[in-house]
Structure formats: structure tokens, C-alpha cells
Amino acid sequence: MKTVDHMLILDVDGVISSLKEKKARPEILEYVAEKLRNGKPVAFNTGRSLDWVVTRAGKTLIDNPGIKKFLKNLIIVGEKGGTWMTFDDEGRPQEHVDESISVSSDLQVDIQNLITTKYSESMFYDSPKKTMSSSEMKDGYDMNKYAQDQKLLIPQVEEIIKRYGLENILEIEPNPIALDVQNRNVGKDLGIKRILNWLKACKIKVLSFTTIGDSPSDIKMAQELKKNNFSVRHVHVGKKGVHNGLYPFEVITTKKEYDEGADEFLKGSAFRS
């Protein structure tokens, strides 16, 4: 059993990458690379598809030949726990999918048709996902205008779910740049369960965790860790408040927001080694 003093778990959108431009912040990826090189486990825990994370957020990290042999210290959890990617000793990716929680293809088609016919100016249907149905703001689109369209979209998607009689199985979860239709059992807490299972399989004992997110729902990461009796603190970098004192662990709110806030925290972190 290998023991490490600390592990970092990061959301992707609004933490590693900017919300509007959807580009990864190089300084954060370099911080992650430093951790991996030093033998520290790191996790990405996101609602994004694995394909998106690999090609858009983590490409420079994963394609770096100097990091290949250290990628075994990284786990990428996608679709809020529905999919996850691990790496072998040579840095080769191993993809995993929980098909038991997948949204039906017929329902996905109906939502995709709705997006295409009524909301194609502001958003697109995120087809690479394997267990969820998601629509997303177009790159560079005005976030306030997108929010208006998203507000109109939600009740229409609710009607589709009711038409299939799946309102007790599926739920809608909006965020500033996307709308997810997902199984009620998925979430950032399920992502944490995937990460803990991976740590157990790798025979790694972690003494403390730091989770970083930009949405109130990201607090579930720290809550799940605390429920499993781990030492944890949560860093909130988004707009909507997640206040310290309301949870049985420390909550830090950065002065800057989103990826700038995450970079601010990591540069001042005591866990540089």
C-alpha cells in the first residue's frame, strides 16, 4: 500500500478550462503534470464526455511524451460518474462505461431534434456522450443570451421526459453553459465513488483531499469524501456562493473566478511538492 499526503480532484469546465472559450488553462495543466511526475494521484471529475476532456481540456497533458509514464497516476471521470478513463503503466488509456445508467437513444433523438429545430443559434447537441443527453452553449456565444434560451428549453425537455414516463428515473441539471439530462443516480458524488474504487485498486492511501469546482453541485465531491471519513477541503471558484461554516469541512472561496480562481488557489497552495 502506497501512502500519499494529498490528492487533488478538479472539475473541468470553469476550473481547468474557461467557460466561454472552453480552452484549458496551461498553468493548471502544468500544475497537474507536476503532481503526476511527483507520484501524486490526480483526478478530473466532470460532466463532460471523456472524448471532450481528452481532446479539448487535457490534450497537451496526455500527449506530452514526458508525462506518458506518469499518466498511471491520473483518473478522468466523465459524465458525472457514467464513464471513466484510467491509464496503464505505459500511459495507454483504458475507457470504462456504466451502461446501466444510460439515457435511452429514442429520448436522446427527441431532445436532439428539439435543439436542432429551435435553439441552433445558441446551442448544440453534445453527441459524443454515452450515458447522458446534453445540450451545450456554442463556443464564444453570449452567456446571458444562452441563459435565456436555456430557461425556455427546460420545460420543453421536461415534457419529453414525461412523455417517456421517465420522470422518476431521469433528472435535468442545468449549469451556466449546458443542460444535462441524466440518471438520478449520477453526480459528482458518483464520480468520487469511481475515484475511491480506483485508489483502492491501485493500493493508494490518501491522507487528505482538495476538491475544486465552480458550481454548487460540486460540493457533493467533498461531501462524499467526508461521508467516507476522509479529511477534505473544498475550493469554490464560481459565482454562486458555497459558504464556509455550512459544511463539516473547510470551504474556500477564491477572489478571482473560474479558471482564474483555480489558478490563483493552486499558485498559493501549500501542496506544491
Protein backbone atom coordinates (compact mmCIF):
# COMPACT_ATOMS: atom_id res chain seq x y z
CA MET A 1 0.00 0.00 0.00
CA LYS A 2 1.40 3.39 -1.05
CA THR A 3 0.54 6.38 1.17
CA VAL A 4 0.39 9.95 -0.18
CA ASP A 5 -0.27 13.06 1.86
CA HIS A 6 -2.68 14.76 -0.53
CA MET A 7 -4.80 14.34 -3.66
CA LEU A 8 -6.34 16.99 -5.89
CA ILE A 9 -9.73 16.43 -7.57
CA LEU A 10 -10.80 19.02 -10.14
CA ASP A 11 -13.94 19.78 -12.09
CA VAL A 12 -13.11 20.69 -15.70
CA ASP A 13 -15.43 23.43 -17.07
CA GLY A 14 -14.84 26.69 -15.24
CA VAL A 15 -11.92 25.19 -13.31
CA ILE A 16 -9.36 23.78 -15.74
CA SER A 17 -10.90 25.46 -18.80
CA SER A 18 -12.67 28.78 -19.35
CA LEU A 19 -16.46 28.68 -19.64
CA LYS A 20 -16.83 30.87 -22.71
CA GLU A 21 -13.84 29.87 -24.83
CA LYS A 22 -13.65 26.30 -23.45
CA LYS A 23 -9.87 26.24 -23.58
CA ALA A 24 -7.71 24.68 -20.87
CA ARG A 25 -5.54 26.99 -18.81
CA PRO A 26 -1.90 25.91 -19.44
CA GLU A 27 -0.75 26.85 -15.92
CA ILE A 28 -3.26 24.45 -14.36
CA LEU A 29 -2.27 21.59 -16.65
CA GLU A 30 1.37 22.19 -15.76
CA TYR A 31 0.46 22.06 -12.07
CA VAL A 32 -1.28 18.73 -12.68
CA ALA A 33 1.74 17.47 -14.64
CA GLU A 34 3.98 18.40 -11.70
CA LYS A 35 1.79 16.36 -9.36
CA LEU A 36 1.82 13.34 -11.66
CA ARG A 37 5.60 13.47 -12.08
CA ASN A 38 5.94 13.52 -8.29
CA GLY A 39 3.86 10.35 -7.98
CA LYS A 40 0.75 12.09 -6.60
CA PRO A 41 -2.66 10.89 -7.81
CA VAL A 42 -4.87 13.48 -9.52
CA ALA A 43 -8.49 13.19 -10.71
CA PHE A 44 -10.69 15.13 -13.11
CA ASN A 45 -14.38 14.78 -12.18
CA THR A 46 -16.67 16.30 -14.80
CA GLY A 47 -19.96 16.06 -16.63
CA ARG A 48 -18.08 16.22 -19.93
CA SER A 49 -17.56 13.23 -22.18
CA LEU A 50 -14.18 11.53 -21.98
CA ASP A 51 -13.63 12.38 -25.63
CA TRP A 52 -14.08 16.10 -24.92
CA VAL A 53 -11.74 16.06 -21.92
CA VAL A 54 -9.03 14.23 -23.83
CA THR A 55 -9.21 16.38 -26.98
CA ARG A 56 -10.10 19.79 -25.55
CA ALA A 57 -9.03 20.04 -21.91
CA GLY A 58 -6.25 17.54 -21.37
CA LYS A 59 -4.68 17.11 -24.80
CA THR A 60 -1.40 18.90 -24.08
CA LEU A 61 -1.08 16.93 -20.85
CA ILE A 62 -1.97 13.49 -22.20
CA ASP A 63 0.03 13.91 -25.44
CA ASN A 64 3.16 15.08 -23.62
CA PRO A 65 5.75 12.29 -24.06
CA GLY A 66 7.44 13.38 -20.84
CA ILE A 67 4.26 12.60 -18.89
CA LYS A 68 3.28 9.27 -20.50
CA LYS A 69 4.76 7.03 -17.84
CA PHE A 70 3.18 9.14 -15.10
CA LEU A 71 -0.38 9.05 -16.50
CA LYS A 72 -0.99 5.96 -14.38
CA ASN A 73 -1.43 8.49 -11.54
CA LEU A 74 -4.38 10.15 -13.33
CA ILE A 75 -8.05 9.18 -13.49
CA ILE A 76 -10.57 11.08 -15.62
CA VAL A 77 -14.21 10.64 -14.59
CA GLY A 78 -16.70 11.79 -17.22
CA GLU A 79 -20.47 12.17 -17.45
CA LYS A 80 -20.74 12.59 -13.66
CA GLY A 81 -19.58 9.07 -12.99
CA GLY A 82 -21.13 7.37 -16.01
CA THR A 83 -17.75 6.93 -17.70
CA TRP A 84 -14.16 6.94 -16.53
CA MET A 85 -10.68 6.59 -18.00
CA THR A 86 -7.59 5.13 -16.40
CA PHE A 87 -4.07 4.61 -17.79
CA ASP A 88 -1.72 1.63 -17.67
CA ASP A 89 1.99 1.76 -16.83
CA GLU A 90 2.79 2.78 -20.42
CA GLY A 91 0.27 5.61 -20.44
CA ARG A 92 -2.24 3.78 -22.62
CA PRO A 93 -5.86 4.80 -21.86
CA GLN A 94 -8.46 2.32 -20.63
CA GLU A 95 -12.06 3.52 -21.06
CA HIS A 96 -14.95 2.32 -18.88
CA VAL A 97 -18.73 2.87 -19.30
CA ASP A 98 -21.60 2.12 -16.90
CA GLU A 99 -24.26 1.19 -19.44
CA SER A 100 -26.83 0.51 -16.71
CA ILE A 101 -27.45 4.25 -16.28
CA SER A 102 -27.53 5.28 -19.95
CA VAL A 103 -30.34 7.52 -21.24
CA SER A 104 -32.40 5.80 -23.96
CA SER A 105 -31.42 6.54 -27.55
CA ASP A 106 -35.01 7.42 -28.58
CA LEU A 107 -35.28 10.09 -25.90
CA GLN A 108 -31.87 11.44 -26.90
CA VAL A 109 -33.03 11.75 -30.51
CA ASP A 110 -36.13 13.72 -29.47
CA ILE A 111 -34.04 16.17 -27.44
CA GLN A 112 -31.52 16.48 -30.25
CA ASN A 113 -34.32 17.31 -32.71
CA LEU A 114 -35.66 19.98 -30.33
CA ILE A 115 -32.22 21.60 -30.06
CA THR A 116 -31.66 21.50 -33.82
CA THR A 117 -35.04 22.97 -34.78
CA LYS A 118 -35.50 25.64 -32.09
CA TYR A 119 -32.19 26.52 -30.41
CA SER A 120 -29.47 26.01 -33.00
CA GLU A 121 -28.35 29.64 -32.82
CA SER A 122 -27.29 29.47 -29.18
CA MET A 123 -26.51 25.80 -28.53
CA PHE A 124 -25.74 22.39 -29.99
CA TYR A 125 -26.41 18.80 -29.02
CA ASP A 126 -23.42 17.09 -27.42
CA SER A 127 -23.48 13.76 -29.25
CA PRO A 128 -20.24 12.11 -28.00
CA LYS A 129 -21.72 11.35 -24.57
CA LYS A 130 -22.54 7.72 -23.82
CA THR A 131 -24.74 7.80 -20.70
CA MET A 132 -26.29 11.29 -20.72
CA SER A 133 -28.15 13.66 -23.02
CA SER A 134 -26.61 17.13 -23.10
CA SER A 135 -27.03 20.39 -24.96
CA GLU A 136 -24.30 23.00 -24.79
CA MET A 137 -23.72 26.67 -25.49
CA LYS A 138 -21.86 27.34 -28.73
CA ASP A 139 -18.24 28.41 -28.28
CA GLY A 140 -17.95 32.17 -27.73
CA TYR A 141 -21.73 32.75 -27.56
CA ASP A 142 -23.10 35.39 -25.20
CA MET A 143 -23.68 33.62 -21.88
CA ASN A 144 -26.61 35.84 -20.89
CA LYS A 145 -28.44 35.13 -24.15
CA TYR A 146 -27.72 31.43 -23.74
CA ALA A 147 -29.21 31.54 -20.23
CA GLN A 148 -32.45 32.95 -21.67
CA ASP A 149 -32.72 30.13 -24.20
CA GLN A 150 -31.87 27.54 -21.57
CA LYS A 151 -34.74 28.81 -19.42
CA LEU A 152 -37.13 28.23 -22.32
CA LEU A 153 -35.63 24.83 -23.11
CA ILE A 154 -36.02 23.27 -19.64
CA PRO A 155 -39.84 22.89 -19.56
CA GLN A 156 -39.81 21.51 -23.10
CA VAL A 157 -37.28 18.85 -22.12
CA GLU A 158 -39.36 18.08 -19.03
CA GLU A 159 -42.32 17.35 -21.32
CA ILE A 160 -40.23 14.93 -23.37
CA ILE A 161 -39.14 13.08 -20.24
CA LYS A 162 -42.77 12.83 -19.06
CA ARG A 163 -43.81 11.53 -22.46
CA TYR A 164 -41.47 8.58 -21.93
CA GLY A 165 -42.66 8.11 -18.34
CA LEU A 166 -39.14 8.54 -17.01
CA GLU A 167 -39.60 11.47 -14.63
CA ASN A 168 -38.78 9.22 -11.64
CA ILE A 169 -35.61 7.91 -13.28
CA LEU A 170 -34.17 10.94 -15.06
CA GLU A 171 -33.47 14.49 -13.91
CA ILE A 172 -32.46 17.76 -15.54
CA GLU A 173 -29.39 19.57 -14.28
CA PRO A 174 -28.54 22.97 -15.81
CA ASN A 175 -25.23 24.80 -15.50
CA PRO A 176 -24.02 28.12 -16.96
CA ILE A 177 -23.10 26.60 -20.35
CA ALA A 178 -25.05 23.34 -20.66
CA LEU A 179 -28.16 21.36 -19.82
CA ASP A 180 -27.82 17.70 -18.83
CA VAL A 181 -30.50 15.03 -18.80
CA GLN A 182 -29.17 12.25 -16.62
CA ASN A 183 -29.98 9.27 -14.47
CA ARG A 184 -30.84 10.36 -10.93
CA ASN A 185 -28.01 8.22 -9.57
CA VAL A 186 -25.22 10.11 -11.34
CA GLY A 187 -23.48 13.17 -9.99
CA LYS A 188 -20.16 14.42 -8.71
CA ASP A 189 -20.60 12.10 -5.71
CA LEU A 190 -20.79 9.07 -8.02
CA GLY A 191 -17.62 10.38 -9.65
CA ILE A 192 -15.95 10.32 -6.23
CA LYS A 193 -17.01 6.69 -5.76
CA ARG A 194 -15.28 5.82 -9.05
CA ILE A 195 -12.15 7.62 -7.86
CA LEU A 196 -12.12 5.87 -4.48
CA ASN A 197 -12.53 2.49 -6.16
CA TRP A 198 -9.59 3.32 -8.45
CA LEU A 199 -7.42 4.32 -5.48
CA LYS A 200 -8.27 1.04 -3.77
CA ALA A 201 -7.40 -0.94 -6.91
CA CYS A 202 -4.10 0.97 -7.20
CA LYS A 203 -3.41 0.34 -3.50
CA ILE A 204 -3.01 4.05 -2.77
CA LYS A 205 -3.93 5.52 0.60
CA VAL A 206 -4.63 9.27 0.56
CA LEU A 207 -4.43 11.22 3.83
CA SER A 208 -6.25 14.37 2.65
CA PHE A 209 -8.12 15.71 -0.38
CA THR A 210 -8.80 19.07 -2.00
CA THR A 211 -11.76 19.33 -4.39
CA ILE A 212 -12.18 22.31 -6.73
CA GLY A 213 -15.42 23.24 -8.50
CA ASP A 214 -17.31 26.22 -9.89
CA SER A 215 -20.90 25.05 -9.30
CA PRO A 216 -22.82 24.50 -6.05
CA SER A 217 -23.36 20.89 -7.15
CA ASP A 218 -19.59 20.33 -7.00
CA ILE A 219 -19.78 20.43 -3.21
CA LYS A 220 -21.02 16.84 -3.49
CA MET A 221 -17.43 15.81 -4.14
CA ALA A 222 -16.29 16.94 -0.71
CA GLN A 223 -19.48 15.68 0.95
CA GLU A 224 -18.94 12.17 -0.43
CA LEU A 225 -15.33 12.14 0.75
CA LYS A 226 -16.33 13.36 4.21
CA LYS A 227 -19.06 10.69 4.35
CA ASN A 228 -16.28 8.15 3.83
CA ASN A 229 -14.34 9.68 6.75
CA PHE A 230 -11.66 11.40 4.69
CA SER A 231 -10.03 14.73 5.51
CA VAL A 232 -11.16 17.16 2.80
CA ARG A 233 -11.49 20.82 1.92
CA HIS A 234 -13.46 22.29 -0.97
CA VAL A 235 -12.46 25.26 -3.12
CA HIS A 236 -15.30 27.14 -4.82
CA VAL A 237 -14.29 29.29 -7.82
CA GLY A 238 -17.73 30.09 -9.30
CA LYS A 239 -20.22 32.93 -8.90
CA LYS A 240 -22.95 31.39 -6.78
CA GLY A 241 -21.93 31.19 -3.17
CA VAL A 242 -20.95 27.99 -1.39
CA HIS A 243 -20.34 29.32 2.10
CA ASN A 244 -17.88 28.17 4.72
CA GLY A 245 -19.45 27.12 8.01
CA LEU A 246 -22.37 25.28 6.41
CA TYR A 247 -20.47 22.02 5.95
CA PRO A 248 -18.38 19.74 8.18
CA PHE A 249 -15.23 20.68 6.25
CA GLU A 250 -13.45 23.84 5.17
CA VAL A 251 -14.83 25.71 2.15
CA ILE A 252 -12.53 28.24 0.45
CA THR A 253 -13.86 30.85 -1.98
CA THR A 254 -11.29 32.43 -4.30
CA LYS A 255 -11.20 36.16 -5.09
CA LYS A 256 -10.92 35.54 -8.82
CA GLU A 257 -13.48 33.36 -10.58
CA TYR A 258 -13.49 30.16 -12.60
CA ASP A 259 -10.17 29.03 -14.13
CA GLU A 260 -8.52 32.25 -12.96
CA GLY A 261 -9.67 31.46 -9.43
CA ALA A 262 -8.42 27.88 -9.66
CA ASP A 263 -5.05 29.14 -10.88
CA GLU A 264 -5.00 31.68 -8.04
CA PHE A 265 -5.59 28.95 -5.46
CA LEU A 266 -3.10 26.47 -6.90
CA LYS A 267 -0.32 29.06 -7.11
CA GLY A 268 -0.81 29.82 -3.43
CA SER A 269 -1.36 26.20 -2.38
CA ALA A 270 0.82 24.61 0.27
CA PHE A 271 0.87 21.38 -1.77
CA ARG A 272 3.43 22.41 -4.42
CA SER A 273 5.68 19.43 -3.83
